[in-house]
Each structure stands twice: as structure tokens, then as C-alpha cells.
Protein backbone atom coordinates (compact mmCIF):
# COMPACT_ATOMS: atom_id res chain seq x y z
CA UNK A 1 31.32 17.16 11.93
CA UNK A 2 29.76 20.23 11.22
CA UNK A 3 26.52 21.15 8.89
CA UNK A 4 28.12 21.39 5.36
CA UNK A 5 25.57 22.42 2.84
CA UNK A 6 22.07 23.64 2.42
CA UNK A 7 20.07 26.46 3.58
CA UNK A 8 22.99 28.28 5.52
CA UNK A 9 20.67 31.12 6.42
CA UNK A 10 18.50 28.60 8.38
CA UNK A 11 19.86 28.21 11.82
CA UNK A 12 20.80 24.52 12.69
CA UNK A 13 18.97 24.17 15.57
CA UNK A 14 15.98 22.49 17.25
CA UNK A 15 13.55 24.94 18.56
CA UNK A 16 10.05 24.47 19.84
CA UNK A 17 7.98 27.42 20.17
CA UNK A 18 4.59 25.85 20.04
CA UNK A 19 3.10 22.34 20.67
CA UNK A 20 3.42 20.12 17.83
CA UNK A 21 1.30 20.70 15.81
CA UNK A 22 1.07 24.60 16.35
CA UNK A 23 -1.93 26.73 15.41
CA UNK A 24 -1.04 27.45 11.79
CA UNK A 25 -0.45 23.80 11.26
CA UNK A 26 -3.72 22.91 12.67
CA UNK A 27 -5.53 25.55 10.42
CA UNK A 28 -3.68 23.90 7.30
CA UNK A 29 -4.49 20.39 8.54
CA UNK A 30 -8.35 21.42 8.50
CA UNK A 31 -7.99 22.85 5.05
CA UNK A 32 -6.07 19.77 3.98
CA UNK A 33 -8.75 17.28 5.03
CA UNK A 34 -11.37 19.40 3.10
CA UNK A 35 -9.55 19.03 -0.29
CA UNK A 36 -6.77 16.37 -0.10
CA UNK A 37 -7.92 12.76 -0.65
CA UNK A 38 -7.76 10.98 2.73
CA UNK A 39 -5.77 8.19 1.03
CA UNK A 40 -2.93 10.64 0.77
CA UNK A 41 -1.59 10.54 4.48
CA UNK A 42 1.23 12.55 6.27
CA UNK A 43 3.65 11.24 8.97
CA UNK A 44 4.07 14.54 10.77
CA UNK A 45 1.12 16.63 11.58
CA UNK A 46 3.23 19.99 10.68
CA UNK A 47 3.42 22.01 7.52
CA UNK A 48 6.87 22.80 6.34
CA UNK A 49 7.99 26.45 5.53
CA UNK A 50 11.65 26.16 5.12
CA UNK A 51 14.25 23.30 5.13
CA UNK A 52 18.00 22.99 4.80
CA UNK A 53 20.98 21.23 6.35
CA UNK A 54 19.59 18.94 9.05
CA UNK A 55 16.44 20.75 10.03
CA UNK A 56 12.69 21.45 8.82
CA UNK A 57 10.94 24.86 9.88
CA UNK A 58 7.33 24.59 10.20
CA UNK A 59 4.77 27.42 9.47
CA UNK A 60 4.71 28.09 13.18
CA UNK A 61 8.36 28.60 13.56
CA UNK A 62 9.29 25.28 15.04
CA UNK A 63 12.67 23.93 13.92
CA UNK A 64 12.70 20.13 13.85
CA UNK A 65 15.60 17.80 13.69
CA UNK A 66 15.37 15.84 10.14
CA UNK A 67 15.87 12.11 10.28
CA UNK A 68 14.02 11.40 7.47
CA UNK A 69 15.14 13.49 4.46
CA UNK A 70 11.88 13.28 2.63
CA UNK A 71 12.27 9.46 2.65
CA UNK A 72 15.98 9.40 1.55
CA UNK A 73 15.47 12.12 -1.05
CA UNK A 74 17.35 15.38 0.41
CA UNK A 75 20.60 13.58 1.12
CA UNK A 76 22.54 16.89 -0.02
CA UNK A 77 20.04 18.99 2.14
CA UNK A 78 16.72 20.76 1.16
CA UNK A 79 18.40 23.59 -0.37
CA UNK A 80 21.79 22.76 -1.32
CA UNK A 81 23.61 25.57 -3.02
CA UNK A 82 24.53 23.87 -6.10
CA UNK A 83 21.02 22.40 -6.74
CA UNK A 84 19.44 25.55 -6.10
CA UNK A 85 21.83 27.45 -8.51
CA UNK A 86 21.78 24.89 -11.33
CA UNK A 87 17.99 24.42 -11.19
CA UNK A 88 17.34 28.34 -10.99
CA UNK A 89 19.47 28.84 -13.96
CA UNK A 90 17.49 26.19 -15.87
CA UNK A 91 14.22 27.63 -14.97
CA UNK A 92 15.37 31.02 -16.33
CA UNK A 93 16.20 29.20 -19.75
CA UNK A 94 13.16 26.96 -20.14
CA UNK A 95 11.35 24.59 -17.94
CA UNK A 96 10.31 22.09 -20.53
CA UNK A 97 10.45 20.97 -24.19
CA UNK A 98 9.90 17.16 -23.53
CA UNK A 99 13.11 15.34 -24.51
CA UNK A 100 11.22 13.23 -27.17
CA UNK A 101 10.44 16.43 -29.10
CA UNK A 102 13.43 18.70 -28.91
CA UNK A 103 16.14 17.24 -26.66
CA UNK A 104 18.68 19.26 -24.42
CA UNK A 105 22.31 18.62 -22.93
CA UNK A 106 20.97 18.25 -19.26
CA UNK A 107 19.51 14.85 -20.06
CA UNK A 108 22.59 13.63 -21.75
CA UNK A 109 24.90 14.87 -19.00
CA UNK A 110 22.77 13.30 -16.30
CA UNK A 111 23.16 10.05 -18.15
CA UNK A 112 26.82 10.67 -18.72
CA UNK A 113 27.38 10.86 -14.93
CA UNK A 114 25.22 7.68 -14.40
CA UNK A 115 27.57 5.66 -16.72
CA UNK A 116 30.58 6.92 -14.71
CA UNK A 117 28.99 6.32 -11.27
CA UNK A 118 27.12 3.11 -11.38
CA UNK A 119 29.13 -0.17 -10.74
CA UNK A 120 30.89 -1.93 -13.68
CA UNK A 121 33.23 -0.79 -16.34
CA UNK A 122 31.12 -1.88 -19.39
CA UNK A 123 29.35 0.25 -21.89
CA UNK A 124 26.24 1.67 -20.29
CA UNK A 125 23.23 3.69 -21.37
CA UNK A 126 20.36 5.22 -19.25
CA UNK A 127 16.74 6.42 -19.72
CA UNK A 128 15.28 8.99 -17.53
CA UNK A 129 11.80 9.07 -15.73
CA UNK A 130 10.14 10.97 -12.96
CA UNK A 131 9.61 8.28 -10.07
CA UNK A 132 11.27 5.31 -8.44
CA UNK A 133 8.02 3.31 -9.36
CA UNK A 134 8.51 4.30 -13.22
CA UNK A 135 12.07 3.31 -13.23
CA UNK A 136 11.19 -0.13 -11.94
CA UNK A 137 8.38 -0.65 -14.18
CA UNK A 138 10.64 0.31 -17.21
CA UNK A 139 13.39 -1.85 -16.05
CA UNK A 140 11.06 -4.75 -16.20
CA UNK A 141 10.02 -3.77 -19.82
CA UNK A 142 13.55 -3.51 -20.91
CA UNK A 143 14.26 -6.79 -19.31
CA UNK A 144 11.47 -8.46 -20.99
CA UNK A 145 12.18 -6.85 -24.44
CA UNK A 146 15.73 -7.97 -24.19
CA UNK A 147 15.15 -11.68 -23.02
CA UNK A 148 11.70 -12.26 -24.71
CA UNK A 149 10.48 -13.78 -21.42
CA UNK A 150 8.05 -12.86 -19.18
CA UNK A 151 8.38 -14.02 -15.41
CA UNK A 152 9.71 -11.69 -12.80
CA UNK A 153 11.01 -12.91 -9.57
CA UNK A 154 11.03 -10.60 -6.59
CA UNK A 155 11.40 -11.10 -2.77
CA UNK A 156 9.83 -11.23 0.49
CA UNK A 157 9.84 -7.81 2.23
CA UNK A 158 10.41 -6.03 -1.05
CA UNK A 159 9.12 -2.67 -1.89
CA UNK A 160 8.97 -1.48 -5.49
CA UNK A 161 6.33 1.30 -5.93
CA UNK A 162 2.60 2.08 -6.11
CA UNK A 163 1.84 1.49 -9.76
CA UNK A 164 -0.01 -1.62 -10.88
CA UNK A 165 3.05 -3.54 -11.75
CA UNK A 166 4.97 -2.36 -9.01
CA UNK A 167 2.30 -3.00 -6.57
CA UNK A 168 2.57 -6.67 -7.76
CA UNK A 169 6.31 -6.56 -7.20
CA UNK A 170 5.86 -5.14 -3.56
CA UNK A 171 5.48 -7.56 -0.65
CA UNK A 172 3.50 -5.62 1.80
CA UNK A 173 -0.29 -5.58 1.66
CA UNK A 174 -1.20 -2.44 4.19
CA UNK A 175 -1.16 0.22 3.04
CA UNK A 176 0.31 -0.25 -0.32
CA UNK A 177 -1.78 -3.03 -2.08
CA UNK A 178 -5.03 -3.41 0.12
CA UNK A 179 -8.26 -3.28 -2.06
CA UNK A 180 -6.23 -2.22 -5.22
CA UNK A 181 -6.09 -5.41 -7.14
CA UNK A 182 -6.20 -7.29 -9.40
CA UNK A 183 -2.47 -6.98 -9.88
CA UNK A 184 -0.30 -7.64 -12.99
CA UNK A 185 0.53 -11.29 -13.67
CA UNK A 186 3.58 -13.39 -14.03
CA UNK A 187 5.33 -12.15 -10.73
CA UNK A 188 6.83 -14.73 -8.59
CA UNK A 189 8.10 -14.10 -4.89
CA UNK A 190 10.82 -15.73 -3.19
CA UNK A 191 12.50 -15.64 0.36
CA UNK A 192 15.14 -13.33 1.28
CA UNK A 193 18.09 -13.80 3.48
CA UNK A 194 16.95 -11.85 6.57
CA UNK A 195 19.60 -12.72 9.34
CA UNK A 196 17.80 -11.41 12.46
CA UNK A 197 14.55 -13.79 11.54
CA UNK A 198 16.10 -16.68 9.88
CA UNK A 199 14.66 -19.64 11.57
CA UNK A 200 18.15 -21.63 11.65
CA UNK A 201 20.18 -18.73 12.76
CA UNK A 202 21.87 -15.86 11.03
CA UNK A 203 25.25 -17.83 10.31
CA UNK A 204 22.98 -20.40 7.96
CA UNK A 205 21.06 -17.71 6.33
CA UNK A 206 22.89 -16.78 3.07
CA UNK A 207 23.36 -20.32 1.90
CA UNK A 208 19.96 -21.71 2.79
CA UNK A 209 18.02 -18.72 1.67
CA UNK A 210 20.09 -18.77 -1.70
CA UNK A 211 19.27 -22.60 -2.08
CA UNK A 212 15.48 -21.99 -1.57
CA UNK A 213 15.35 -19.26 -4.07
CA UNK A 214 17.19 -21.24 -6.62
CA UNK A 215 15.08 -24.32 -6.14
CA UNK A 216 11.78 -22.20 -6.06
CA UNK A 217 12.62 -20.48 -9.39
CA UNK A 218 14.06 -23.64 -10.98
CA UNK A 219 11.00 -25.85 -10.17
CA UNK A 220 8.06 -23.43 -9.90
CA UNK A 221 8.78 -20.99 -12.52
CA UNK A 222 11.68 -22.34 -14.67
CA UNK A 223 14.75 -20.29 -15.02
CA UNK A 224 14.32 -20.25 -18.61
CA UNK A 225 11.11 -18.34 -18.21
CA UNK A 226 12.61 -15.61 -15.96
CA UNK A 227 13.28 -12.21 -17.38
CA UNK A 228 14.52 -10.30 -14.46
CA UNK A 229 15.33 -10.79 -10.76
CA UNK A 230 14.64 -7.50 -8.87
CA UNK A 231 15.90 -6.88 -5.44
CA UNK A 232 16.69 -3.90 -3.34
CA UNK A 233 20.50 -4.34 -1.99
CA UNK A 234 19.26 -3.12 1.16
CA UNK A 235 15.45 -3.53 1.54
CA UNK A 236 13.86 -0.41 2.31
CA UNK A 237 10.23 -0.31 3.39
CA UNK A 238 10.58 -3.85 4.28
CA UNK A 239 12.76 -2.96 7.39
CA UNK A 240 16.12 -1.80 6.18
CA UNK A 241 16.92 -5.45 5.85
CA UNK A 242 20.68 -6.11 4.76
CA UNK A 243 20.58 -9.55 3.08
CA UNK A 244 23.12 -11.85 4.64
CA UNK A 245 26.57 -11.51 3.24
CA UNK A 246 26.93 -13.81 0.45
CA UNK A 247 23.20 -14.14 -0.53
CA UNK A 248 23.28 -11.46 -3.19
CA UNK A 249 26.44 -12.85 -5.04
CA UNK A 250 24.84 -16.33 -5.13
CA UNK A 251 21.57 -14.75 -6.83
CA UNK A 252 23.73 -12.78 -9.24
CA UNK A 253 25.50 -15.96 -10.29
CA UNK A 254 22.49 -17.99 -10.71
CA UNK A 255 20.92 -14.95 -12.89
CA UNK A 256 24.03 -14.82 -15.13
CA UNK A 257 24.25 -18.44 -15.56
CA UNK A 258 20.50 -18.59 -16.74
CA UNK A 259 20.37 -15.64 -19.05
CA UNK A 260 18.25 -13.60 -16.51
CA UNK A 261 18.57 -9.83 -16.10
CA UNK A 262 19.58 -8.93 -12.47
CA UNK A 263 18.14 -5.57 -11.52
CA UNK A 264 19.33 -3.81 -8.43
CA UNK A 265 16.60 -1.24 -7.05
CA UNK A 266 18.82 1.27 -5.62
CA UNK A 267 16.18 3.96 -5.41
CA UNK A 268 16.37 4.25 -1.67
CA UNK A 269 19.83 3.07 -1.11
CA UNK A 270 21.71 4.81 -3.95
CA UNK A 271 23.61 7.96 -4.13
CA UNK A 272 25.95 7.76 -1.13
CA UNK A 273 23.24 6.79 1.19
CA UNK A 274 24.92 3.71 2.50
CA UNK A 275 28.42 5.18 2.52
CA UNK A 276 29.13 4.11 -1.32
CA UNK A 277 27.70 5.61 -4.41
CA UNK A 278 25.51 2.37 -4.53
CA UNK A 279 24.61 -0.29 -1.96
CA UNK A 280 25.58 -3.18 -4.47
CA UNK A 281 29.18 -2.13 -4.33
CA UNK A 282 29.45 -3.58 -0.76
CA UNK A 283 29.82 -7.10 -2.07
CA UNK A 284 31.07 -6.17 -5.68
CA UNK A 285 27.84 -6.87 -7.39
CA UNK A 286 27.64 -5.50 -10.81
CA UNK A 287 24.03 -5.47 -11.80
CA UNK A 288 22.71 -5.71 -15.32
CA UNK A 289 20.35 -2.89 -14.78
CA UNK A 290 20.00 -0.59 -11.61
CA UNK A 291 17.12 1.87 -10.80
CA UNK A 292 17.61 5.14 -9.07
CA UNK A 293 15.52 7.99 -7.92
CA UNK A 294 14.98 9.78 -4.60
CA UNK A 295 18.63 11.00 -3.72
CA UNK A 296 19.56 11.63 -7.46
CA UNK A 297 18.24 15.22 -7.69
CA UNK A 298 18.31 17.07 -4.35
CA UNK A 299 14.44 17.02 -4.09
CA UNK A 300 13.28 17.31 -7.80
CA UNK A 301 11.41 14.44 -9.28
CA UNK A 302 13.94 12.53 -11.41
CA UNK A 303 14.57 8.72 -11.87
CA UNK A 304 16.72 6.56 -14.09
CA UNK A 305 17.44 3.10 -15.35
CA UNK A 306 20.89 2.51 -16.14
CA UNK A 307 22.54 -0.66 -17.53
CA UNK A 308 24.39 -2.68 -20.09
CA UNK A 309 24.16 -0.82 -23.46
CA UNK A 310 22.99 -4.12 -25.24
CA UNK A 311 20.21 -4.61 -22.69
CA UNK A 312 19.24 -0.93 -22.61
CA UNK A 313 18.96 -0.80 -26.46
CA UNK A 314 16.71 -3.88 -26.52
CA UNK A 315 13.55 -1.80 -26.41
CA UNK A 316 12.19 -0.42 -29.82
CA UNK A 317 12.55 3.36 -30.67
CA UNK A 318 9.82 5.10 -29.13
CA UNK A 319 9.21 2.44 -26.46
CA UNK A 320 10.62 4.24 -23.63
CA UNK A 321 9.84 7.70 -22.40
CA UNK A 322 7.25 9.95 -20.98
CA UNK A 323 6.05 13.58 -21.35
CA UNK A 324 8.15 14.67 -18.26
CA UNK A 325 10.83 12.21 -18.20
CA UNK A 326 14.30 13.78 -17.73
CA UNK A 327 12.69 17.17 -17.03
CA UNK A 328 15.41 19.83 -17.69
CA UNK A 329 15.25 21.55 -14.32
CA UNK A 330 15.44 18.13 -12.48
CA UNK A 331 18.38 17.27 -14.54
CA UNK A 332 20.00 20.49 -13.62
CA UNK A 333 19.37 19.66 -9.89
CA UNK A 334 20.76 16.19 -10.56
CA UNK A 335 23.94 17.61 -11.74
CA UNK A 336 24.15 19.96 -8.72
CA UNK A 337 23.33 17.05 -6.33
CA UNK A 338 26.16 15.08 -7.70
CA UNK A 339 28.51 18.15 -7.58
CA UNK A 340 27.77 18.25 -3.97
CA UNK A 341 28.15 14.63 -3.24
CA UNK A 342 31.66 14.64 -4.78
CA UNK A 343 32.88 18.00 -3.36
CA UNK A 344 31.87 17.27 0.18
CA UNK A 345 32.65 13.39 0.09
CA UNK A 346 29.26 12.55 1.27
CA UNK A 347 30.10 8.70 1.12
CA UNK A 348 32.55 9.52 4.13
CA UNK A 349 30.02 11.62 5.70
CA UNK A 350 27.53 8.72 5.37
CA UNK A 351 30.09 6.46 7.04
CA UNK A 352 30.73 8.78 9.89
CA UNK A 353 26.88 9.03 10.56
CA UNK A 354 26.79 5.24 10.65
CA UNK A 355 29.57 5.09 13.37
CA UNK A 356 27.86 7.75 15.44
CA UNK A 357 24.25 6.26 15.09
CA UNK A 358 25.30 2.51 15.76
CA UNK A 359 27.42 3.48 18.63
CA UNK A 360 24.62 5.25 20.22
CA UNK A 361 21.94 2.85 19.05
CA UNK A 362 24.08 -0.15 20.33
CA UNK A 363 24.43 1.44 23.87
CA UNK A 364 20.54 1.91 23.82
CA UNK A 365 20.03 -1.72 22.75
CA UNK A 366 22.01 -2.94 25.97
CA UNK A 367 19.63 -0.81 28.07
CA UNK A 368 16.25 -1.68 26.48
CA UNK A 369 15.22 -5.24 25.52
CA UNK A 370 12.58 -4.20 23.14
CA UNK A 371 15.41 -3.15 20.64
CA UNK A 372 15.86 -6.70 19.09
CA UNK A 373 18.20 -5.30 16.09
CA UNK A 374 20.33 -2.46 15.11
CA UNK A 375 21.23 -2.59 11.44
CA UNK A 376 21.90 -0.66 8.30
CA UNK A 377 24.85 0.84 6.58
CA UNK A 378 25.81 4.51 6.25
CA UNK A 379 23.02 6.92 6.82
CA UNK A 380 20.37 4.10 6.40
CA UNK A 381 20.15 2.88 10.06
CA UNK A 382 16.97 1.06 11.68
CA UNK A 383 16.13 -0.64 14.83
CA UNK A 384 13.66 -3.28 15.08
CA UNK A 385 11.29 -3.50 18.16
CA UNK A 386 10.11 -6.59 19.71
CA UNK A 387 8.25 -7.80 22.61
CA UNK A 388 10.52 -8.27 25.71
CA UNK A 389 12.05 -11.34 25.98
CA UNK A 390 11.11 -12.53 22.22
CA UNK A 391 11.41 -11.73 18.69
CA UNK A 392 7.63 -10.97 18.28
CA UNK A 393 7.17 -7.75 16.53
CA UNK A 394 6.36 -4.77 18.64
CA UNK A 395 4.54 -2.25 16.25
CA UNK A 396 2.65 -0.52 19.24
CA UNK A 397 5.99 0.50 20.93
CA UNK A 398 7.27 1.60 17.40
CA UNK A 399 4.27 3.89 16.89
CA UNK A 400 4.40 5.20 20.49
CA UNK A 401 8.15 6.11 19.96
CA UNK A 402 7.75 7.71 16.72
CA UNK A 403 4.87 9.99 17.91
CA UNK A 404 7.09 10.86 21.12
CA UNK A 405 9.90 11.88 18.80
CA UNK A 406 7.58 13.87 16.73
CA UNK A 407 6.08 15.89 19.78
CA UNK A 408 9.75 16.51 20.76
CA UNK A 409 10.70 17.99 17.42
CA UNK A 410 12.34 14.95 15.72
CA UNK A 411 11.28 13.61 12.26
CA UNK A 412 11.52 9.91 12.17
CA UNK A 413 9.91 7.30 9.88
CA UNK A 414 8.62 3.81 10.61
CA UNK A 415 8.79 1.01 8.20
CA UNK A 416 8.95 -2.98 8.14
CA UNK A 417 6.63 -5.68 6.90
CA UNK A 418 5.43 -6.03 10.65
CA UNK A 419 5.17 -2.32 11.13
CA UNK A 420 8.04 -2.63 13.98
CA UNK A 421 11.17 -0.86 12.55
CA UNK A 422 12.29 2.76 13.19
CA UNK A 423 14.31 4.01 10.45
CA UNK A 424 16.72 6.62 10.25
CA UNK A 425 17.60 8.65 7.03
CA UNK A 426 19.33 11.94 8.21
CA UNK A 427 20.66 14.24 5.34
CA UNK A 428 24.22 13.42 4.77
CA UNK A 429 24.94 17.05 5.61
CA UNK A 430 23.57 17.08 9.04
CA UNK A 431 25.91 18.50 11.86
CA UNK A 432 27.17 15.92 14.55
CA UNK A 433 25.67 18.15 17.13
CA UNK A 434 22.14 17.72 15.75
CA UNK A 435 22.75 14.08 15.02
CA UNK A 436 23.44 13.52 18.58
CA UNK A 437 20.69 15.70 19.94
CA UNK A 438 18.23 13.71 17.99
CA UNK A 439 19.67 10.54 19.28
CA UNK A 440 19.24 12.11 22.83
CA UNK A 441 15.53 12.78 22.07
CA UNK A 442 15.21 9.16 20.93
CA UNK A 443 16.61 7.86 24.12
CA UNK A 444 14.38 10.10 26.13
CA UNK A 445 11.49 8.58 24.42
CA UNK A 446 12.80 5.09 25.29
CA UNK A 447 13.09 6.01 28.86
CA UNK A 448 9.61 7.38 29.01
CA UNK A 449 8.14 4.26 27.37
């Protein structure tokens, strides 16, 4: 497996010529602290100069292995040829007219692709936005307009964004919600089938969790009051949690039986990330609405709500939109990104990444008892770190390992409700040599810890 696309002029090698951060990055960090709000944090203390394939080059000339993809955004690489070509051509024609003023073909073409790619063979329509949070918020608006109901059900460990409504939908206080309330009302949270932490064991998880969810909705909210059930098919920020097999189909069945709009939040898990176009395909789930962003446009800001035509048409004319929603350059990039995914069969690439990573991480788990769980699908893989001899979360080890990886030139991210999960989101075009070298660096960090 060799690097396939994105920044062919950028050598696909890790190279450290200074300490991390180097002097130029340190200078920029000082400038950043003077003018950028301190609430805007950064995982890595380095400033990017170029990126492509499986590497990021910083301003000091260090080349880092990328296991983050800008949080699952640059799945096709940070400078994929088709994305650059199509976006550049669109830049030369025009950058903006506002689709609500004078529409353009690119927006329509993206919606046509979404109708083809998303699960289900029913008639579908889409609306385009800028960010994942906007997509989720608009999915709720559409579901409420369609059902004439208000309540929205979400899940423990879920993450849906940073706007006021999507903060209310999100389960984690720090850093997303702390001190920012009050939040939007009519949001109800229920358990998710988290196999590793289900008290009666993973084998009971799906049925017991589904029973609890249905009982809570029925008794505490009233199914007849629920507009939408919103869930990530693989929960992202909450810890790359795969709900126990069978759980999601039971929730979908309950939603269908009660006239509730089932919304699959595929913002982090969509577009080949899990080895399928969308993670909900794993159990044959056909959502009423599906939200996408991140991997859709090769790094340009674009998001979408796609769903059943009758549901999507429930909002009145002029009720959906936004000045920049479906920007023409971002739409061109999305068409280039989808072209790349098809041509390079990035679903197969994601499955190969899973095979390599789970093999290596499984071996590490046998050696290091602080690795409590290895999980995920495709190129959306995580390890949950615990105190030795227990399942108690170990956020200190997680932080220490991330810092060690960063110092060695490997970009990794943390997540999880308890801050104890290392997540791996390599670009789907990463070369296998870089993938294995990154895993070598992770194992060396474990050995030092």
C-alpha cells in the first residue's frame, strides 16, 4: 500500500530537523497568544506550511506523520489533485454569488451525488451548509417542521457541535459546554449501548440499552412528542464508541413505529472513513435524514443534510439556507473529493488501514495492560486507556502518550467523555510504510511510559 494522492511533491517521510516546536513555530505561538482568543486551543504547538498524503510539514521544515486528518476532514489528503484542480477552476470563474440569489450548477451536482451515495433508494433531497453543527441544527429544524413536534432525543457520549442548540445535544461538559449555558430546551438524553463499559457485559448491551432507551422515551418524554432521534453511528468525540450490534436497528424500528425522524450524524464517520460510504450501512440502517461535513470536500468548509424528499420539503420556502451555504468553491472541492474516493476505492483503503492498525494495536494491548479496549472501523480506530488492573479511566496516561507522540513527529488526537481515548484518523491515502512507522512511534511511547 503506497501513498496514492495528495501533494506528490511533498516527500512522504517523517523528518525532524528541530525539536517540536521549532523556533519559527515558537515565534508564531507568541504572535498567536497576543491576538488569537485563548478559548481557541491547538493540539500541536507547530504551525503548518504544507501538507499532503500522510504528512504535514511545519514552518521549521519538520515533516510529521498525520494520524489526525484535521479531525477526519482530509481523508483524500490535504492537497488531492482532483480537489485542487476543480476548486482552482471554480476560483477562476467566481467565488460566490449566494445560492439563494443566483444559483449555480455545483450545488445541484453535489446534491445529486449525495442522493446517489447515501443509504436507501427512496427519493432524496439535500440542503448545503458550512459546518457539521449547522447541518445538525438544520436537521432538527427540518424534523420539527415535518412532525410538528418539539422534543429531540440524543445519547450519552454524543457530540453534535458548538452552537447553542448543538451544545445542548452534546453530552460532554468540558470543553464544549462549560460556562456557556443556558442551552436550548426540549432535549432529552438517553443511554447508548457502550459495550466496553456496559455493567452487565457486552453480550447483554444491545438489548438492555435499547429497552432502557425505549422505556425512558415512552415514559419521560412521550414518543408522540418526539420530533427526532439523533445519533452518531460511531460516536466520535465521545470515544469512537461503536454501539453494540443490534442496538441501532432497534432504535430505528422504534422511531419508524412512532413517526419519529431518525437522524444519522455521519459528520465524522462518513465518506469512506469506516470502510463504507457511511457507517450506518454496517447494519443496513436507512436513516430518514443524514448529516455530513468533514470529509465531504477535501478540507474546504461544506456540510449537508440529506434525506427523504417529503421530510426535506417540509420546511417552508426560504426557511433553510445561509449566505455561504454550499459555496461554489467548496462544492467544486466536494466533487473532486468524491471523484478521488471513487477512483482510488478509498473504502477498500480504509479497510486495509483497519487491518494494519488493529493487528498492531491488538499486539500492544497484549503487552500493555493500560490498553483496555481497541475498537473502531476502517480508518476510525481508537484505544481506551485505563488504570492497570481495572477499567478506571486513565486520562493522565492518554495525555502523556499524546505528548510523546507529538514530540516524536506523530500527530495524534485524544477524545472520550473521560479524556482517556487516543483516536487515530489517518488520511485514507497514507502509505503503509508511514502507517507502520507511526505505529512504531506509538509503541515506543508506550514502552517509555
